[in-house]
């Protein structure tokens, strides 16, 4: 069965350890399920056990990803939506 999404982006600037753990667990689980997963490059220094090739800017994520998962509050979600919507083909 074909998956509805091939490439998934994980976005958000975590402010606490629990959010960082959420990013890691999402990445590991989605990768193990066969998805290509990219992460917001603002997290590259925090998530140092994930390959650097899996990080991309929000603009790049908007072009690559079929689905974005935003970890955080309303501000993270609204900010990501603003940037992602401007980077998708019209």
PDB file of N, CA and C in Angstrom:
ATOM      1  N   UNK A   1       0.840  -1.189   0.000  1.00  0.00           N
ATOM      2  CA  UNK A   1       0.000   0.000   0.000  1.00  0.00           C
ATOM      3  C   UNK A   1       0.879   1.244   0.000  1.00  0.00           C
ATOM      4  N   UNK A   2       0.565   2.189  -0.883  1.00  0.00           N
ATOM      5  CA  UNK A   2       1.322   3.431  -0.961  1.00  0.00           C
ATOM      6  C   UNK A   2       0.991   4.316   0.233  1.00  0.00           C
ATOM      7  N   UNK A   3       2.023   4.912   0.797  1.00  0.00           N
ATOM      8  CA  UNK A   3       1.816   5.812   1.930  1.00  0.00           C
ATOM      9  C   UNK A   3       1.322   7.168   1.425  1.00  0.00           C
ATOM     10  N   UNK A   4       0.447   7.807   2.181  1.00  0.00           N
ATOM     11  CA  UNK A   4      -0.064   9.105   1.736  1.00  0.00           C
ATOM     12  C   UNK A   4       1.009  10.202   1.764  1.00  0.00           C
ATOM     13  N   UNK A   5       2.039  10.013   2.572  1.00  0.00           N
ATOM     14  CA  UNK A   5       3.138  10.969   2.674  1.00  0.00           C
ATOM     15  C   UNK A   5       4.446  10.228   2.514  1.00  0.00           C
ATOM     16  N   UNK A   6       5.368  10.821   1.802  1.00  0.00           N
ATOM     17  CA  UNK A   6       6.691  10.205   1.621  1.00  0.00           C
ATOM     18  C   UNK A   6       7.734  10.896   2.498  1.00  0.00           C
ATOM     19  N   UNK A   7       7.652  12.230   2.538  1.00  0.00           N
ATOM     20  CA  UNK A   7       8.652  13.040   3.256  1.00  0.00           C
ATOM     21  C   UNK A   7       7.938  13.834   4.339  1.00  0.00           C
ATOM     22  N   UNK A   8       8.449  13.721   5.562  1.00  0.00           N
ATOM     23  CA  UNK A   8       7.832  14.392   6.708  1.00  0.00           C
ATOM     24  C   UNK A   8       8.853  15.318   7.361  1.00  0.00           C
ATOM     25  N   UNK A   9       8.404  16.516   7.703  1.00  0.00           N
ATOM     26  CA  UNK A   9       9.247  17.488   8.401  1.00  0.00           C
ATOM     27  C   UNK A   9       8.814  17.574   9.861  1.00  0.00           C
ATOM     28  N   UNK A  10       9.804  17.684  10.744  1.00  0.00           N
ATOM     29  CA  UNK A  10       9.542  17.916  12.163  1.00  0.00           C
ATOM     30  C   UNK A  10      10.068  19.308  12.473  1.00  0.00           C
ATOM     31  N   UNK A  11       9.192  20.157  12.981  1.00  0.00           N
ATOM     32  CA  UNK A  11       9.501  21.568  13.170  1.00  0.00           C
ATOM     33  C   UNK A  11       9.235  21.972  14.610  1.00  0.00           C
ATOM     34  N   UNK A  12      10.022  22.917  15.104  1.00  0.00           N
ATOM     35  CA  UNK A  12       9.780  23.490  16.416  1.00  0.00           C
ATOM     36  C   UNK A  12      11.069  23.792  17.136  1.00  0.00           C
ATOM     37  N   UNK A  13      11.066  24.824  17.901  1.00  0.00           N
ATOM     38  CA  UNK A  13      12.232  25.212  18.684  1.00  0.00           C
ATOM     39  C   UNK A  13      11.922  24.878  20.139  1.00  0.00           C
ATOM     40  N   UNK A  14      12.376  23.720  20.591  1.00  0.00           N
ATOM     41  CA  UNK A  14      12.002  23.301  21.959  1.00  0.00           C
ATOM     42  C   UNK A  14      12.654  24.162  23.030  1.00  0.00           C
ATOM     43  N   UNK A  15      11.905  24.359  24.077  1.00  0.00           N
ATOM     44  CA  UNK A  15      12.406  25.154  25.197  1.00  0.00           C
ATOM     45  C   UNK A  15      12.663  24.290  26.436  1.00  0.00           C
ATOM     46  N   UNK A  16      12.319  23.022  26.352  1.00  0.00           N
ATOM     47  CA  UNK A  16      12.566  22.153  27.502  1.00  0.00           C
ATOM     48  C   UNK A  16      12.963  20.748  27.046  1.00  0.00           C
ATOM     49  N   UNK A  17      13.474  19.972  27.966  1.00  0.00           N
ATOM     50  CA  UNK A  17      13.996  18.637  27.669  1.00  0.00           C
ATOM     51  C   UNK A  17      12.914  17.695  27.142  1.00  0.00           C
ATOM     52  N   UNK A  18      11.706  17.831  27.624  1.00  0.00           N
ATOM     53  CA  UNK A  18      10.626  16.957  27.171  1.00  0.00           C
ATOM     54  C   UNK A  18      10.339  17.187  25.683  1.00  0.00           C
ATOM     55  N   UNK A  19      10.373  18.434  25.234  1.00  0.00           N
ATOM     56  CA  UNK A  19      10.155  18.731  23.814  1.00  0.00           C
ATOM     57  C   UNK A  19      11.291  18.177  22.968  1.00  0.00           C
ATOM     58  N   UNK A  20      12.512  18.268  23.452  1.00  0.00           N
ATOM     59  CA  UNK A  20      13.663  17.717  22.726  1.00  0.00           C
ATOM     60  C   UNK A  20      13.489  16.210  22.569  1.00  0.00           C
ATOM     61  N   UNK A  21      13.067  15.548  23.621  1.00  0.00           N
ATOM     62  CA  UNK A  21      12.830  14.101  23.569  1.00  0.00           C
ATOM     63  C   UNK A  21      11.718  13.767  22.573  1.00  0.00           C
ATOM     64  N   UNK A  22      10.698  14.599  22.499  1.00  0.00           N
ATOM     65  CA  UNK A  22       9.613  14.387  21.540  1.00  0.00           C
ATOM     66  C   UNK A  22      10.137  14.438  20.116  1.00  0.00           C
ATOM     67  N   UNK A  23      10.992  15.419  19.823  1.00  0.00           N
ATOM     68  CA  UNK A  23      11.587  15.518  18.487  1.00  0.00           C
ATOM     69  C   UNK A  23      12.373  14.245  18.154  1.00  0.00           C
ATOM     70  N   UNK A  24      13.191  13.785  19.086  1.00  0.00           N
ATOM     71  CA  UNK A  24      13.995  12.575  18.861  1.00  0.00           C
ATOM     72  C   UNK A  24      13.118  11.360  18.612  1.00  0.00           C
ATOM     73  N   UNK A  25      12.114  11.172  19.454  1.00  0.00           N
ATOM     74  CA  UNK A  25      11.247  10.001  19.333  1.00  0.00           C
ATOM     75  C   UNK A  25      10.449  10.027  18.037  1.00  0.00           C
ATOM     76  N   UNK A  26       9.957  11.190  17.653  1.00  0.00           N
ATOM     77  CA  UNK A  26       9.242  11.302  16.386  1.00  0.00           C
ATOM     78  C   UNK A  26      10.147  10.941  15.215  1.00  0.00           C
ATOM     79  N   UNK A  27      11.361  11.480  15.230  1.00  0.00           N
ATOM     80  CA  UNK A  27      12.315  11.199  14.154  1.00  0.00           C
ATOM     81  C   UNK A  27      12.596   9.693  14.065  1.00  0.00           C
ATOM     82  N   UNK A  28      12.913   9.088  15.185  1.00  0.00           N
ATOM     83  CA  UNK A  28      13.254   7.666  15.190  1.00  0.00           C
ATOM     84  C   UNK A  28      12.077   6.798  14.756  1.00  0.00           C
ATOM     85  N   UNK A  29      10.893   7.099  15.253  1.00  0.00           N
ATOM     86  CA  UNK A  29       9.721   6.306  14.907  1.00  0.00           C
ATOM     87  C   UNK A  29       9.357   6.450  13.430  1.00  0.00           C
ATOM     88  N   UNK A  30       9.299   7.693  12.941  1.00  0.00           N
ATOM     89  CA  UNK A  30       8.941   7.904  11.538  1.00  0.00           C
ATOM     90  C   UNK A  30       9.967   7.285  10.597  1.00  0.00           C
ATOM     91  N   UNK A  31      11.244   7.406  10.950  1.00  0.00           N
ATOM     92  CA  UNK A  31      12.300   6.790  10.143  1.00  0.00           C
ATOM     93  C   UNK A  31      12.146   5.273  10.116  1.00  0.00           C
ATOM     94  N   UNK A  32      11.841   4.684  11.265  1.00  0.00           N
ATOM     95  CA  UNK A  32      11.683   3.231  11.334  1.00  0.00           C
ATOM     96  C   UNK A  32      10.462   2.754  10.553  1.00  0.00           C
ATOM     97  N   UNK A  33       9.502   3.645  10.328  1.00  0.00           N
ATOM     98  CA  UNK A  33       8.306   3.311   9.552  1.00  0.00           C
ATOM     99  C   UNK A  33       8.528   3.508   8.049  1.00  0.00           C
ATOM    100  N   UNK A  34       9.748   3.925   7.672  1.00  0.00           N
ATOM    101  CA  UNK A  34      10.079   4.041   6.260  1.00  0.00           C
ATOM    102  C   UNK A  34       9.897   5.412   5.641  1.00  0.00           C
ATOM    103  N   UNK A  35       9.618   6.407   6.445  1.00  0.00           N
ATOM    104  CA  UNK A  35       9.479   7.760   5.919  1.00  0.00           C
ATOM    105  C   UNK A  35      10.845   8.428   5.827  1.00  0.00           C
ATOM    106  N   UNK A  36      10.973   9.338   4.870  1.00  0.00           N
ATOM    107  CA  UNK A  36      12.143  10.201   4.839  1.00  0.00           C
ATOM    108  C   UNK A  36      11.794  11.383   5.735  1.00  0.00           C
ATOM    109  N   UNK A  37      12.633  11.634   6.748  1.00  0.00           N
ATOM    110  CA  UNK A  37      12.313  12.636   7.755  1.00  0.00           C
ATOM    111  C   UNK A  37      13.393  13.704   7.780  1.00  0.00           C
ATOM    112  N   UNK A  38      12.953  14.959   7.754  1.00  0.00           N
ATOM    113  CA  UNK A  38      13.851  16.097   7.898  1.00  0.00           C
ATOM    114  C   UNK A  38      13.417  16.901   9.105  1.00  0.00           C
ATOM    115  N   UNK A  39      14.389  17.546   9.739  1.00  0.00           N
ATOM    116  CA  UNK A  39      14.131  18.297  10.962  1.00  0.00           C
ATOM    117  C   UNK A  39      14.554  19.746  10.775  1.00  0.00           C
ATOM    118  N   UNK A  40      13.814  20.620  11.389  1.00  0.00           N
ATOM    119  CA  UNK A  40      14.097  22.052  11.439  1.00  0.00           C
ATOM    120  C   UNK A  40      15.568  22.265  11.821  1.00  0.00           C
ATOM    121  N   UNK A  41      16.320  22.969  10.994  1.00  0.00           N
ATOM    122  CA  UNK A  41      17.758  23.108  11.245  1.00  0.00           C
ATOM    123  C   UNK A  41      18.097  23.922  12.489  1.00  0.00           C
ATOM    124  N   UNK A  42      17.128  24.597  13.077  1.00  0.00           N
ATOM    125  CA  UNK A  42      17.382  25.299  14.342  1.00  0.00           C
ATOM    126  C   UNK A  42      17.640  24.312  15.483  1.00  0.00           C
ATOM    127  N   UNK A  43      17.370  23.024  15.225  1.00  0.00           N
ATOM    128  CA  UNK A  43      17.551  21.990  16.240  1.00  0.00           C
ATOM    129  C   UNK A  43      18.838  21.187  16.053  1.00  0.00           C
ATOM    130  N   UNK A  44      19.627  21.532  15.066  1.00  0.00           N
ATOM    131  CA  UNK A  44      20.796  20.701  14.724  1.00  0.00           C
ATOM    132  C   UNK A  44      21.832  20.628  15.847  1.00  0.00           C
ATOM    133  N   UNK A  45      21.984  21.669  16.619  1.00  0.00           N
ATOM    134  CA  UNK A  45      22.955  21.645  17.718  1.00  0.00           C
ATOM    135  C   UNK A  45      22.430  20.857  18.923  1.00  0.00           C
ATOM    136  N   UNK A  46      21.134  20.854  19.098  1.00  0.00           N
ATOM    137  CA  UNK A  46      20.514  20.171  20.237  1.00  0.00           C
ATOM    138  C   UNK A  46      20.405  18.665  19.979  1.00  0.00           C
ATOM    139  N   UNK A  47      20.026  18.318  18.749  1.00  0.00           N
ATOM    140  CA  UNK A  47      19.827  16.908  18.385  1.00  0.00           C
ATOM    141  C   UNK A  47      21.070  16.397  17.663  1.00  0.00           C
ATOM    142  N   UNK A  48      22.162  16.344  18.383  1.00  0.00           N
ATOM    143  CA  UNK A  48      23.457  16.026  17.763  1.00  0.00           C
ATOM    144  C   UNK A  48      23.640  14.550  17.428  1.00  0.00           C
ATOM    145  N   UNK A  49      22.702  13.682  17.820  1.00  0.00           N
ATOM    146  CA  UNK A  49      22.807  12.261  17.489  1.00  0.00           C
ATOM    147  C   UNK A  49      22.033  11.896  16.216  1.00  0.00           C
ATOM    148  N   UNK A  50      21.458  12.903  15.547  1.00  0.00           N
ATOM    149  CA  UNK A  50      20.757  12.701  14.279  1.00  0.00           C
ATOM    150  C   UNK A  50      21.670  13.216  13.162  1.00  0.00           C
ATOM    151  N   UNK A  51      21.784  12.477  12.055  1.00  0.00           N
ATOM    152  CA  UNK A  51      22.689  12.885  10.977  1.00  0.00           C
ATOM    153  C   UNK A  51      22.400  14.312  10.485  1.00  0.00           C
ATOM    154  N   UNK A  52      23.457  15.078  10.273  1.00  0.00           N
ATOM    155  CA  UNK A  52      23.323  16.475   9.836  1.00  0.00           C
ATOM    156  C   UNK A  52      22.604  16.591   8.498  1.00  0.00           C
ATOM    157  N   UNK A  53      22.659  15.537   7.690  1.00  0.00           N
ATOM    158  CA  UNK A  53      21.991  15.564   6.387  1.00  0.00           C
ATOM    159  C   UNK A  53      20.471  15.612   6.513  1.00  0.00           C
ATOM    160  N   UNK A  54      19.952  15.346   7.704  1.00  0.00           N
ATOM    161  CA  UNK A  54      18.505  15.303   7.912  1.00  0.00           C
ATOM    162  C   UNK A  54      17.951  16.630   8.429  1.00  0.00           C
ATOM    163  N   UNK A  55      18.781  17.659   8.458  1.00  0.00           N
ATOM    164  CA  UNK A  55      18.326  18.974   8.898  1.00  0.00           C
ATOM    165  C   UNK A  55      18.197  19.898   7.694  1.00  0.00           C
ATOM    166  N   UNK A  56      17.192  20.767   7.723  1.00  0.00           N
ATOM    167  CA  UNK A  56      16.978  21.714   6.631  1.00  0.00           C
ATOM    168  C   UNK A  56      16.293  22.959   7.184  1.00  0.00           C
ATOM    169  N   UNK A  57      16.446  24.065   6.465  1.00  0.00           N
ATOM    170  CA  UNK A  57      15.784  25.313   6.867  1.00  0.00           C
ATOM    171  C   UNK A  57      14.275  25.179   6.653  1.00  0.00           C
ATOM    172  N   UNK A  58      13.524  26.084   7.260  1.00  0.00           N
ATOM    173  CA  UNK A  58      12.073  26.048   7.094  1.00  0.00           C
ATOM    174  C   UNK A  58      11.682  26.188   5.620  1.00  0.00           C
ATOM    175  N   UNK A  59      12.381  27.052   4.883  1.00  0.00           N
ATOM    176  CA  UNK A  59      12.072  27.204   3.460  1.00  0.00           C
ATOM    177  C   UNK A  59      12.332  25.908   2.697  1.00  0.00           C
ATOM    178  N   UNK A  60      13.444  25.242   3.001  1.00  0.00           N
ATOM    179  CA  UNK A  60      13.744  23.964   2.351  1.00  0.00           C
ATOM    180  C   UNK A  60      12.710  22.914   2.733  1.00  0.00           C
ATOM    181  N   UNK A  61      12.318  22.904   3.991  1.00  0.00           N
ATOM    182  CA  UNK A  61      11.317  21.933   4.443  1.00  0.00           C
ATOM    183  C   UNK A  61       9.999  22.130   3.704  1.00  0.00           C
ATOM    184  N   UNK A  62       9.634  23.379   3.468  1.00  0.00           N
ATOM    185  CA  UNK A  62       8.400  23.666   2.735  1.00  0.00           C
ATOM    186  C   UNK A  62       8.420  23.112   1.329  1.00  0.00           C
ATOM    187  N   UNK A  63       9.599  23.037   0.735  1.00  0.00           N
ATOM    188  CA  UNK A  63       9.730  22.515  -0.627  1.00  0.00           C
ATOM    189  C   UNK A  63       9.846  20.992  -0.649  1.00  0.00           C
ATOM    190  N   UNK A  64      10.436  20.405   0.393  1.00  0.00           N
ATOM    191  CA  UNK A  64      10.707  18.958   0.412  1.00  0.00           C
ATOM    192  C   UNK A  64       9.568  18.127   0.980  1.00  0.00           C
ATOM    193  N   UNK A  65       8.935  18.625   2.020  1.00  0.00           N
ATOM    194  CA  UNK A  65       8.031  17.792   2.822  1.00  0.00           C
ATOM    195  C   UNK A  65       6.605  17.750   2.286  1.00  0.00           C
ATOM    196  N   UNK A  66       5.996  16.570   2.441  1.00  0.00           N
ATOM    197  CA  UNK A  66       4.576  16.389   2.136  1.00  0.00           C
ATOM    198  C   UNK A  66       3.719  16.699   3.360  1.00  0.00           C
ATOM    199  N   UNK A  67       4.315  16.592   4.527  1.00  0.00           N
ATOM    200  CA  UNK A  67       3.615  16.781   5.792  1.00  0.00           C
ATOM    201  C   UNK A  67       4.591  17.404   6.783  1.00  0.00           C
ATOM    202  N   UNK A  68       4.112  18.347   7.579  1.00  0.00           N
ATOM    203  CA  UNK A  68       4.934  18.936   8.634  1.00  0.00           C
ATOM    204  C   UNK A  68       4.270  18.695   9.982  1.00  0.00           C
ATOM    205  N   UNK A  69       5.074  18.243  10.931  1.00  0.00           N
ATOM    206  CA  UNK A  69       4.615  18.067  12.305  1.00  0.00           C
ATOM    207  C   UNK A  69       5.304  19.155  13.118  1.00  0.00           C
ATOM    208  N   UNK A  70       4.502  20.018  13.751  1.00  0.00           N
ATOM    209  CA  UNK A  70       5.052  21.119  14.536  1.00  0.00           C
ATOM    210  C   UNK A  70       4.924  20.768  16.008  1.00  0.00           C
ATOM    211  N   UNK A  71       6.061  20.744  16.686  1.00  0.00           N
ATOM    212  CA  UNK A  71       6.095  20.466  18.123  1.00  0.00           C
ATOM    213  C   UNK A  71       6.209  21.802  18.838  1.00  0.00           C
ATOM    214  N   UNK A  72       5.272  22.077  19.716  1.00  0.00           N
ATOM    215  CA  UNK A  72       5.311  23.333  20.452  1.00  0.00           C
ATOM    216  C   UNK A  72       3.928  23.937  20.547  1.00  0.00           C
ATOM    217  N   UNK A  73       3.915  25.208  20.844  1.00  0.00           N
ATOM    218  CA  UNK A  73       2.651  25.896  21.048  1.00  0.00           C
ATOM    219  C   UNK A  73       2.151  26.607  19.806  1.00  0.00           C
ATOM    220  N   UNK A  74       1.168  27.460  20.023  1.00  0.00           N
ATOM    221  CA  UNK A  74       0.541  28.197  18.932  1.00  0.00           C
ATOM    222  C   UNK A  74       1.542  29.035  18.145  1.00  0.00           C
ATOM    223  N   UNK A  75       2.474  29.659  18.829  1.00  0.00           N
ATOM    224  CA  UNK A  75       3.459  30.503  18.158  1.00  0.00           C
ATOM    225  C   UNK A  75       4.308  29.714  17.182  1.00  0.00           C
ATOM    226  N   UNK A  76       4.753  28.540  17.598  1.00  0.00           N
ATOM    227  CA  UNK A  76       5.530  27.680  16.694  1.00  0.00           C
ATOM    228  C   UNK A  76       4.689  27.283  15.483  1.00  0.00           C
ATOM    229  N   UNK A  77       3.451  26.908  15.724  1.00  0.00           N
ATOM    230  CA  UNK A  77       2.591  26.455  14.639  1.00  0.00           C
ATOM    231  C   UNK A  77       2.297  27.589  13.655  1.00  0.00           C
ATOM    232  N   UNK A  78       1.946  28.754  14.156  1.00  0.00           N
ATOM    233  CA  UNK A  78       1.634  29.876  13.274  1.00  0.00           C
ATOM    234  C   UNK A  78       2.862  30.345  12.500  1.00  0.00           C
ATOM    235  N   UNK A  79       4.007  30.401  13.178  1.00  0.00           N
ATOM    236  CA  UNK A  79       5.243  30.811  12.506  1.00  0.00           C
ATOM    237  C   UNK A  79       5.635  29.841  11.410  1.00  0.00           C
ATOM    238  N   UNK A  80       5.540  28.563  11.695  1.00  0.00           N
ATOM    239  CA  UNK A  80       5.868  27.542  10.693  1.00  0.00           C
ATOM    240  C   UNK A  80       4.894  27.614   9.521  1.00  0.00           C
ATOM    241  N   UNK A  81       3.625  27.781   9.800  1.00  0.00           N
ATOM    242  CA  UNK A  81       2.618  27.851   8.729  1.00  0.00           C
ATOM    243  C   UNK A  81       2.898  29.031   7.807  1.00  0.00           C
ATOM    244  N   UNK A  82       3.293  30.157   8.378  1.00  0.00           N
ATOM    245  CA  UNK A  82       3.591  31.344   7.579  1.00  0.00           C
ATOM    246  C   UNK A  82       4.736  31.070   6.604  1.00  0.00           C
ATOM    247  N   UNK A  83       5.825  30.499   7.133  1.00  0.00           N
ATOM    248  CA  UNK A  83       6.999  30.244   6.290  1.00  0.00           C
ATOM    249  C   UNK A  83       6.736  29.117   5.299  1.00  0.00           C
ATOM    250  N   UNK A  84       6.151  28.019   5.766  1.00  0.00           N
ATOM    251  CA  UNK A  84       5.900  26.874   4.886  1.00  0.00           C
ATOM    252  C   UNK A  84       4.952  27.222   3.747  1.00  0.00           C
ATOM    253  N   UNK A  85       3.930  28.006   4.031  1.00  0.00           N
ATOM    254  CA  UNK A  85       2.964  28.339   2.983  1.00  0.00           C
ATOM    255  C   UNK A  85       3.586  29.227   1.914  1.00  0.00           C
ATOM    256  N   UNK A  86       4.601  29.995   2.274  1.00  0.00           N
ATOM    257  CA  UNK A  86       5.233  30.867   1.274  1.00  0.00           C
ATOM    258  C   UNK A  86       6.252  30.102   0.428  1.00  0.00           C
ATOM    259  N   UNK A  87       6.643  28.905   0.853  1.00  0.00           N
ATOM    260  CA  UNK A  87       7.674  28.157   0.120  1.00  0.00           C
ATOM    261  C   UNK A  87       7.101  27.029  -0.728  1.00  0.00           C
ATOM    262  N   UNK A  88       5.808  26.806  -0.668  1.00  0.00           N
ATOM    263  CA  UNK A  88       5.224  25.726  -1.460  1.00  0.00           C
ATOM    264  C   UNK A  88       4.839  26.253  -2.836  1.00  0.00           C
ATOM    265  N   UNK A  89       4.890  25.393  -3.854  1.00  0.00           N
ATOM    266  CA  UNK A  89       4.521  25.807  -5.209  1.00  0.00           C
ATOM    267  C   UNK A  89       3.070  26.247  -5.277  1.00  0.00           C
ATOM    268  N   UNK A  90       2.790  27.227  -6.077  1.00  0.00           N
ATOM    269  CA  UNK A  90       1.407  27.741  -6.197  1.00  0.00           C
ATOM    270  C   UNK A  90       0.768  27.247  -7.460  1.00  0.00           C
TER     271      UNK A  90
END
